[in-house]
């Protein structure tokens, strides 16, 4: 398991840090690279759509 952090901004210009968790062993087994998960520092999960990330309920949308 590895992780990286990168900055993102919401519609109001507020800054956030997105954490990407990646299971490298699953990537090697699947060969597809679909094992990444994204979260905010407070633990809220994010759904990625290109350069846009949003919470499951849609209350927060971030752009990288």
N, C-alpha and C. Protein backbone atom coordinates (compact mmCIF):
# COMPACT_ATOMS: atom_id res chain seq x y z
N UNK A 1 0.86 -1.17 0.00
CA UNK A 1 0.00 0.00 0.00
C UNK A 1 0.90 1.22 0.00
N UNK A 2 0.60 2.13 -0.88
CA UNK A 2 1.32 3.40 -0.92
C UNK A 2 0.29 4.52 -0.94
N UNK A 3 0.76 5.72 -0.67
CA UNK A 3 -0.14 6.85 -0.75
C UNK A 3 0.61 8.08 -1.20
N UNK A 4 -0.16 9.04 -1.70
CA UNK A 4 0.39 10.35 -2.04
C UNK A 4 -0.68 11.39 -1.74
N UNK A 5 -0.25 12.61 -1.57
CA UNK A 5 -1.15 13.71 -1.28
C UNK A 5 -1.02 14.75 -2.38
N UNK A 6 -2.14 15.38 -2.72
CA UNK A 6 -2.06 16.47 -3.69
C UNK A 6 -3.15 17.50 -3.39
N UNK A 7 -2.90 18.75 -3.79
CA UNK A 7 -3.82 19.84 -3.47
C UNK A 7 -5.04 19.86 -4.40
N UNK A 8 -6.13 20.39 -3.86
CA UNK A 8 -7.36 20.58 -4.63
C UNK A 8 -8.06 21.82 -4.09
N UNK A 9 -8.99 22.35 -4.88
CA UNK A 9 -9.71 23.57 -4.52
C UNK A 9 -11.20 23.35 -4.75
N UNK A 10 -12.03 23.91 -3.84
CA UNK A 10 -13.47 23.82 -4.04
C UNK A 10 -13.97 25.04 -4.82
N UNK A 11 -15.28 25.14 -5.03
CA UNK A 11 -15.87 26.22 -5.82
C UNK A 11 -15.66 27.59 -5.18
N UNK A 12 -15.46 27.63 -3.85
CA UNK A 12 -15.24 28.90 -3.14
C UNK A 12 -13.77 29.30 -3.10
N UNK A 13 -12.90 28.48 -3.65
CA UNK A 13 -11.47 28.77 -3.62
C UNK A 13 -10.77 28.25 -2.37
N UNK A 14 -11.49 27.50 -1.53
CA UNK A 14 -10.86 26.92 -0.33
C UNK A 14 -9.98 25.75 -0.72
N UNK A 15 -8.85 25.63 -0.03
CA UNK A 15 -7.87 24.59 -0.33
C UNK A 15 -8.12 23.34 0.50
N UNK A 16 -7.89 22.19 -0.12
CA UNK A 16 -8.01 20.88 0.53
C UNK A 16 -6.81 20.05 0.11
N UNK A 17 -6.59 18.96 0.84
CA UNK A 17 -5.57 17.99 0.47
C UNK A 17 -6.28 16.66 0.24
N UNK A 18 -6.09 16.11 -0.94
CA UNK A 18 -6.64 14.79 -1.27
C UNK A 18 -5.54 13.76 -1.06
N UNK A 19 -5.92 12.66 -0.44
CA UNK A 19 -4.98 11.55 -0.21
C UNK A 19 -5.39 10.40 -1.12
N UNK A 20 -4.45 9.94 -1.92
CA UNK A 20 -4.68 8.78 -2.79
C UNK A 20 -4.00 7.57 -2.17
N UNK A 21 -4.77 6.52 -1.94
CA UNK A 21 -4.24 5.26 -1.44
C UNK A 21 -4.24 4.28 -2.59
N UNK A 22 -3.11 3.60 -2.78
CA UNK A 22 -2.99 2.68 -3.90
C UNK A 22 -2.45 1.35 -3.42
N UNK A 23 -3.15 0.28 -3.76
CA UNK A 23 -2.72 -1.07 -3.42
C UNK A 23 -1.91 -1.61 -4.60
N UNK A 24 -0.60 -1.54 -4.49
CA UNK A 24 0.27 -1.91 -5.60
C UNK A 24 0.20 -3.40 -5.93
N UNK A 25 -0.04 -4.25 -4.94
CA UNK A 25 -0.15 -5.68 -5.21
C UNK A 25 -1.40 -6.00 -6.02
N UNK A 26 -2.49 -5.33 -5.71
CA UNK A 26 -3.72 -5.55 -6.48
C UNK A 26 -3.55 -5.04 -7.91
N UNK A 27 -2.82 -3.94 -8.08
CA UNK A 27 -2.55 -3.42 -9.42
C UNK A 27 -1.81 -4.45 -10.26
N UNK A 28 -0.81 -5.07 -9.67
CA UNK A 28 -0.01 -6.05 -10.40
C UNK A 28 -0.86 -7.27 -10.77
N UNK A 29 -1.72 -7.71 -9.85
CA UNK A 29 -2.56 -8.88 -10.11
C UNK A 29 -3.64 -8.58 -11.15
N UNK A 30 -4.26 -7.40 -11.05
CA UNK A 30 -5.35 -7.06 -11.97
C UNK A 30 -4.83 -6.53 -13.29
N UNK A 31 -3.70 -5.85 -13.25
CA UNK A 31 -3.13 -5.27 -14.46
C UNK A 31 -3.90 -4.07 -14.97
N UNK A 32 -4.90 -3.60 -14.19
CA UNK A 32 -5.74 -2.51 -14.68
C UNK A 32 -5.53 -1.20 -13.95
N UNK A 33 -4.94 -1.23 -12.77
CA UNK A 33 -4.70 0.00 -12.03
C UNK A 33 -5.95 0.59 -11.41
N UNK A 34 -6.95 -0.20 -11.10
CA UNK A 34 -8.22 0.30 -10.58
C UNK A 34 -8.32 0.26 -9.06
N UNK A 35 -7.21 0.07 -8.36
CA UNK A 35 -7.29 -0.12 -6.91
C UNK A 35 -7.03 1.15 -6.11
N UNK A 36 -7.04 2.32 -6.73
CA UNK A 36 -6.81 3.57 -6.00
C UNK A 36 -8.09 4.00 -5.30
N UNK A 37 -7.92 4.58 -4.10
CA UNK A 37 -9.03 5.13 -3.34
C UNK A 37 -8.63 6.53 -2.91
N UNK A 38 -9.58 7.44 -2.84
CA UNK A 38 -9.31 8.84 -2.55
C UNK A 38 -10.10 9.27 -1.33
N UNK A 39 -9.43 10.02 -0.43
CA UNK A 39 -10.06 10.51 0.79
C UNK A 39 -9.56 11.90 1.12
N UNK A 40 -10.35 12.60 1.94
CA UNK A 40 -9.89 13.85 2.55
C UNK A 40 -9.23 13.50 3.88
N UNK A 41 -8.54 14.46 4.45
CA UNK A 41 -7.84 14.23 5.72
C UNK A 41 -8.81 13.84 6.84
N UNK A 42 -10.08 14.26 6.75
CA UNK A 42 -11.06 13.91 7.79
C UNK A 42 -11.70 12.54 7.57
N UNK A 43 -11.26 11.83 6.54
CA UNK A 43 -11.73 10.46 6.30
C UNK A 43 -12.87 10.34 5.30
N UNK A 44 -13.41 11.46 4.83
CA UNK A 44 -14.49 11.38 3.84
C UNK A 44 -13.96 10.82 2.53
N UNK A 45 -14.65 9.84 2.00
CA UNK A 45 -14.26 9.23 0.73
C UNK A 45 -14.66 10.12 -0.43
N UNK A 46 -13.85 10.08 -1.47
CA UNK A 46 -14.10 10.88 -2.67
C UNK A 46 -14.24 9.97 -3.88
N UNK A 47 -15.05 10.42 -4.82
CA UNK A 47 -15.23 9.73 -6.11
C UNK A 47 -14.53 10.57 -7.17
N UNK A 48 -13.67 9.93 -7.93
CA UNK A 48 -12.90 10.66 -8.94
C UNK A 48 -13.57 10.60 -10.30
N UNK A 49 -13.58 11.74 -10.97
CA UNK A 49 -14.06 11.84 -12.35
C UNK A 49 -13.10 12.76 -13.08
N UNK A 50 -12.05 12.18 -13.63
CA UNK A 50 -11.00 12.97 -14.29
C UNK A 50 -10.26 13.82 -13.27
N UNK A 51 -10.30 15.15 -13.44
CA UNK A 51 -9.64 16.06 -12.50
C UNK A 51 -10.57 16.54 -11.40
N UNK A 52 -11.80 16.02 -11.40
CA UNK A 52 -12.80 16.43 -10.42
C UNK A 52 -13.02 15.31 -9.40
N UNK A 53 -13.15 15.70 -8.14
CA UNK A 53 -13.40 14.76 -7.06
C UNK A 53 -14.62 15.26 -6.30
N UNK A 54 -15.51 14.33 -5.89
CA UNK A 54 -16.67 14.75 -5.12
C UNK A 54 -16.98 13.72 -4.04
N UNK A 55 -17.64 14.20 -3.00
CA UNK A 55 -18.09 13.28 -1.95
C UNK A 55 -19.30 12.51 -2.49
N UNK A 56 -19.61 11.38 -1.87
CA UNK A 56 -20.70 10.53 -2.34
C UNK A 56 -22.04 11.27 -2.34
N UNK A 57 -22.27 12.13 -1.36
CA UNK A 57 -23.51 12.87 -1.29
C UNK A 57 -23.54 14.11 -2.17
N UNK A 58 -22.42 14.47 -2.76
CA UNK A 58 -22.35 15.60 -3.66
C UNK A 58 -22.24 16.94 -2.97
N UNK A 59 -22.06 16.96 -1.63
CA UNK A 59 -22.00 18.22 -0.92
C UNK A 59 -20.69 18.98 -1.14
N UNK A 60 -19.68 18.28 -1.62
CA UNK A 60 -18.38 18.91 -1.86
C UNK A 60 -17.80 18.42 -3.17
N UNK A 61 -17.40 19.36 -4.03
CA UNK A 61 -16.74 19.03 -5.29
C UNK A 61 -15.41 19.77 -5.31
N UNK A 62 -14.36 19.04 -5.65
CA UNK A 62 -13.01 19.60 -5.69
C UNK A 62 -12.41 19.43 -7.07
N UNK A 63 -11.54 20.35 -7.42
CA UNK A 63 -10.83 20.30 -8.70
C UNK A 63 -9.33 20.36 -8.42
N UNK A 64 -8.56 19.53 -9.13
CA UNK A 64 -7.10 19.53 -8.96
C UNK A 64 -6.46 20.35 -10.04
